[in-house]
Amino acid sequence: MPTISTNDLKNGTVLDLDGQLWQVIWFQHHKPGKGNTVVRSKLKHVLSGKVVDKTFNSDTKVESAQVDRREMQYLYNDGDSYVFMDTTSYEQVSIPSDTVGDAADYMLENQNAMVALHDENPLYIELPASVELEITYTEPGLQGDRSSAGTKPATLETGKQIQVPLFIEAGTKVKVDTRDGSYLGRING
């Protein structure tokens, strides 16, 4: 396994710590008043999704897992898993619902996503930071209500429910943050 220095950590790097795969989701170099610099990090367990805080000494060697990121097209959900097709080899891969996780809330059929694989096993789905989806249901807004203070629930075409401003109506395309499900704006067109 290749080793890297904790000084070279990046968001998205996958580490192999004691045979467990952990993805770096946040890190910061920290110099306490006395002593050596340390690297604070938040690591997400690739399989369970559990997030832990871990502090490394600066310039410690850690094992990085070889992760192969491939662009794949989401084809359909067969009930227990999501079927993707590798866009270069056209090979189809079934990925369990647990592995897909929250990404399912933002995926439409025939949409492309990055699938991270380790030893040909799917680890997680990487979506763009935001996606454009249509609102399929929301209560009618009040005419002339443009205040940004109020929000209401709205259902996206994927079935995910988010909060939108009061003036948004069903049939509107909106931009949604895939990290936290927040409304980012209306798509004109």
Protein backbone atom coordinates (compact mmCIF):
# COMPACT_ATOMS: atom_id res chain seq x y z
CA MET A 1 0.00 0.00 0.00
CA PRO A 2 1.30 3.46 -0.77
CA THR A 3 2.06 5.70 2.19
CA ILE A 4 1.59 9.44 2.36
CA SER A 5 2.56 12.08 4.87
CA THR A 6 -0.18 13.56 7.05
CA ASN A 7 1.09 16.92 5.72
CA ASP A 8 -0.24 15.86 2.28
CA LEU A 9 -3.80 15.02 3.35
CA LYS A 10 -6.56 16.33 1.09
CA ASN A 11 -10.34 16.17 1.34
CA GLY A 12 -11.45 12.96 -0.35
CA THR A 13 -8.23 11.05 0.35
CA VAL A 14 -9.00 7.51 1.53
CA LEU A 15 -6.75 6.13 4.26
CA ASP A 16 -6.26 2.53 5.32
CA LEU A 17 -5.99 2.63 9.11
CA ASP A 18 -5.67 -0.83 10.69
CA GLY A 19 -7.42 -2.47 7.73
CA GLN A 20 -10.37 -0.03 7.83
CA LEU A 21 -11.00 2.49 5.06
CA TRP A 22 -11.58 6.10 6.13
CA GLN A 23 -12.20 9.10 3.88
CA VAL A 24 -10.82 12.50 4.89
CA ILE A 25 -13.75 14.94 4.95
CA TRP A 26 -11.96 17.80 6.76
CA PHE A 27 -8.45 18.52 7.99
CA GLN A 28 -6.51 21.40 9.53
CA HIS A 29 -2.86 21.91 10.42
CA HIS A 30 -2.67 23.15 14.01
CA LYS A 31 0.36 24.59 15.85
CA PRO A 32 -0.20 24.55 19.59
CA GLY A 33 1.68 27.10 21.72
CA LYS A 34 4.26 24.50 22.69
CA GLY A 35 5.18 21.31 20.93
CA ASN A 36 4.98 20.07 17.39
CA THR A 37 2.44 20.85 14.72
CA VAL A 38 -0.43 18.37 14.50
CA VAL A 39 -3.00 17.64 11.81
CA ARG A 40 -6.57 17.53 13.06
CA SER A 41 -8.99 15.66 10.85
CA LYS A 42 -12.53 14.39 10.51
CA LEU A 43 -12.60 10.94 8.97
CA LYS A 44 -15.68 9.15 7.63
CA HIS A 45 -15.70 5.37 7.74
CA VAL A 46 -16.25 4.36 4.12
CA LEU A 47 -18.55 1.43 4.86
CA SER A 48 -20.50 2.51 7.96
CA GLY A 49 -20.54 6.27 7.36
CA LYS A 50 -19.49 6.90 10.98
CA VAL A 51 -17.51 10.14 11.39
CA VAL A 52 -14.66 10.42 13.92
CA ASP A 53 -12.18 13.12 14.88
CA LYS A 54 -8.55 12.01 14.62
CA THR A 55 -5.36 13.95 15.33
CA PHE A 56 -2.09 12.97 13.69
CA ASN A 57 1.40 14.24 14.44
CA SER A 58 2.70 16.38 11.62
CA ASP A 59 4.58 14.46 8.90
CA THR A 60 3.45 11.03 10.14
CA LYS A 61 3.31 8.35 7.47
CA VAL A 62 -0.12 6.80 6.90
CA GLU A 63 -1.29 4.22 4.38
CA SER A 64 -3.49 5.55 1.62
CA ALA A 65 -5.91 3.17 -0.03
CA GLN A 66 -5.89 2.94 -3.78
CA VAL A 67 -9.29 4.27 -4.79
CA ASP A 68 -10.36 4.15 -8.39
CA ARG A 69 -12.91 6.84 -9.25
CA ARG A 70 -14.89 6.04 -12.39
CA GLU A 71 -17.60 7.99 -14.13
CA MET A 72 -20.71 5.86 -14.30
CA GLN A 73 -24.26 6.42 -15.46
CA TYR A 74 -27.08 5.63 -13.04
CA LEU A 75 -29.51 3.38 -14.92
CA TYR A 76 -32.20 2.26 -12.46
CA ASN A 77 -33.05 1.04 -8.96
CA ASP A 78 -34.00 -2.64 -8.82
CA GLY A 79 -35.32 -2.49 -5.25
CA ASP A 80 -32.27 -3.61 -3.24
CA SER A 81 -29.57 -1.94 -5.26
CA TYR A 82 -28.80 0.73 -7.82
CA VAL A 83 -27.54 -0.31 -11.24
CA PHE A 84 -24.81 1.82 -12.79
CA MET A 85 -23.01 1.48 -16.12
CA ASP A 86 -19.32 2.28 -16.52
CA THR A 87 -19.24 4.96 -19.24
CA THR A 88 -16.01 3.62 -20.77
CA SER A 89 -16.40 -0.18 -20.60
CA TYR A 90 -20.26 -0.24 -20.64
CA GLU A 91 -20.05 -2.85 -17.87
CA GLN A 92 -23.02 -2.76 -15.46
CA VAL A 93 -22.47 -2.74 -11.71
CA SER A 94 -25.09 -3.26 -8.98
CA ILE A 95 -24.38 -1.10 -5.95
CA PRO A 96 -26.21 -1.84 -2.67
CA SER A 97 -28.57 0.83 -1.32
CA ASP A 98 -26.42 1.17 1.84
CA THR A 99 -23.40 2.11 -0.30
CA VAL A 100 -25.37 4.63 -2.37
CA GLY A 101 -26.75 6.21 0.82
CA ASP A 102 -28.02 9.80 0.66
CA ALA A 103 -26.79 10.19 -2.93
CA ALA A 104 -30.03 8.44 -3.95
CA ASP A 105 -31.94 11.58 -2.90
CA TYR A 106 -30.28 13.55 -5.71
CA MET A 107 -29.87 11.01 -8.55
CA LEU A 108 -32.06 10.73 -11.61
CA GLU A 109 -31.95 7.85 -14.07
CA ASN A 110 -29.38 8.36 -16.85
CA GLN A 111 -27.45 10.89 -14.74
CA ASN A 112 -23.69 10.49 -14.40
CA ALA A 113 -21.90 10.23 -11.05
CA MET A 114 -18.43 9.29 -9.85
CA VAL A 115 -18.29 5.86 -8.26
CA ALA A 116 -15.33 5.24 -5.96
CA LEU A 117 -14.04 1.65 -6.04
CA HIS A 118 -11.44 -0.16 -3.95
CA ASP A 119 -10.36 -3.58 -5.28
CA GLU A 120 -13.40 -3.39 -7.64
CA ASN A 121 -15.77 -3.00 -4.65
CA PRO A 122 -17.94 0.15 -4.73
CA LEU A 123 -17.23 2.36 -1.70
CA TYR A 124 -19.41 5.42 -2.21
CA ILE A 125 -21.04 7.66 -4.82
CA GLU A 126 -19.57 11.11 -5.41
CA LEU A 127 -22.07 13.66 -6.72
CA PRO A 128 -21.41 17.20 -7.88
CA ALA A 129 -21.79 19.82 -5.10
CA SER A 130 -25.17 20.80 -6.53
CA VAL A 131 -27.78 19.34 -8.87
CA GLU A 132 -30.78 20.71 -10.73
CA LEU A 133 -34.07 18.98 -9.93
CA GLU A 134 -37.74 19.74 -10.47
CA ILE A 135 -40.21 20.37 -7.66
CA THR A 136 -43.04 17.85 -8.13
CA TYR A 137 -45.20 18.97 -5.20
CA THR A 138 -45.46 21.93 -2.87
CA GLU A 139 -48.33 23.93 -1.41
CA PRO A 140 -49.26 26.93 -3.57
CA GLY A 141 -47.39 30.09 -2.58
CA LEU A 142 -49.16 33.27 -1.62
CA GLN A 143 -49.33 35.76 -4.48
CA GLY A 144 -46.82 38.56 -4.02
CA ASP A 145 -45.03 36.74 -1.21
CA ARG A 146 -41.37 37.34 -2.06
CA SER A 147 -40.08 37.52 1.47
CA SER A 148 -37.05 35.40 2.09
CA ALA A 149 -38.05 34.80 5.69
CA GLY A 150 -40.59 32.05 5.12
CA THR A 151 -40.04 28.58 3.74
CA LYS A 152 -42.27 25.61 3.03
CA PRO A 153 -41.67 21.91 2.33
CA ALA A 154 -41.36 20.84 -1.30
CA THR A 155 -40.91 17.40 -2.85
CA LEU A 156 -38.21 16.92 -5.51
CA GLU A 157 -38.65 14.58 -8.48
CA THR A 158 -36.42 12.07 -6.65
CA GLY A 159 -38.85 11.99 -3.69
CA LYS A 160 -36.56 13.94 -1.36
CA GLN A 161 -38.26 16.69 0.62
CA ILE A 162 -36.48 20.04 1.06
CA GLN A 163 -37.37 23.53 2.30
CA VAL A 164 -37.91 26.21 -0.37
CA PRO A 165 -38.99 29.88 -0.29
CA LEU A 166 -42.76 30.50 -0.22
CA PHE A 167 -42.92 31.76 -3.84
CA ILE A 168 -41.60 28.50 -5.39
CA GLU A 169 -44.29 26.48 -7.17
CA ALA A 170 -44.58 22.88 -8.37
CA GLY A 171 -42.92 22.42 -11.77
CA THR A 172 -40.08 24.82 -10.93
CA LYS A 173 -36.52 23.60 -11.51
CA VAL A 174 -34.28 24.38 -8.53
CA LYS A 175 -30.60 24.01 -7.67
CA VAL A 176 -30.03 21.85 -4.57
CA ASP A 177 -26.86 21.38 -2.48
CA THR A 178 -26.12 17.62 -2.44
CA ARG A 179 -24.18 17.85 0.84
CA ASP A 180 -27.03 19.11 3.03
CA GLY A 181 -30.15 19.26 0.83
CA SER A 182 -30.42 23.03 1.00
CA TYR A 183 -32.16 25.12 -1.64
CA LEU A 184 -29.62 27.17 -3.64
CA GLY A 185 -31.85 28.95 -6.13
CA ARG A 186 -34.33 28.75 -8.94
CA ILE A 187 -33.23 27.70 -12.44
CA ASN A 188 -34.61 30.03 -15.09
CA GLY A 189 -35.31 28.60 -18.47
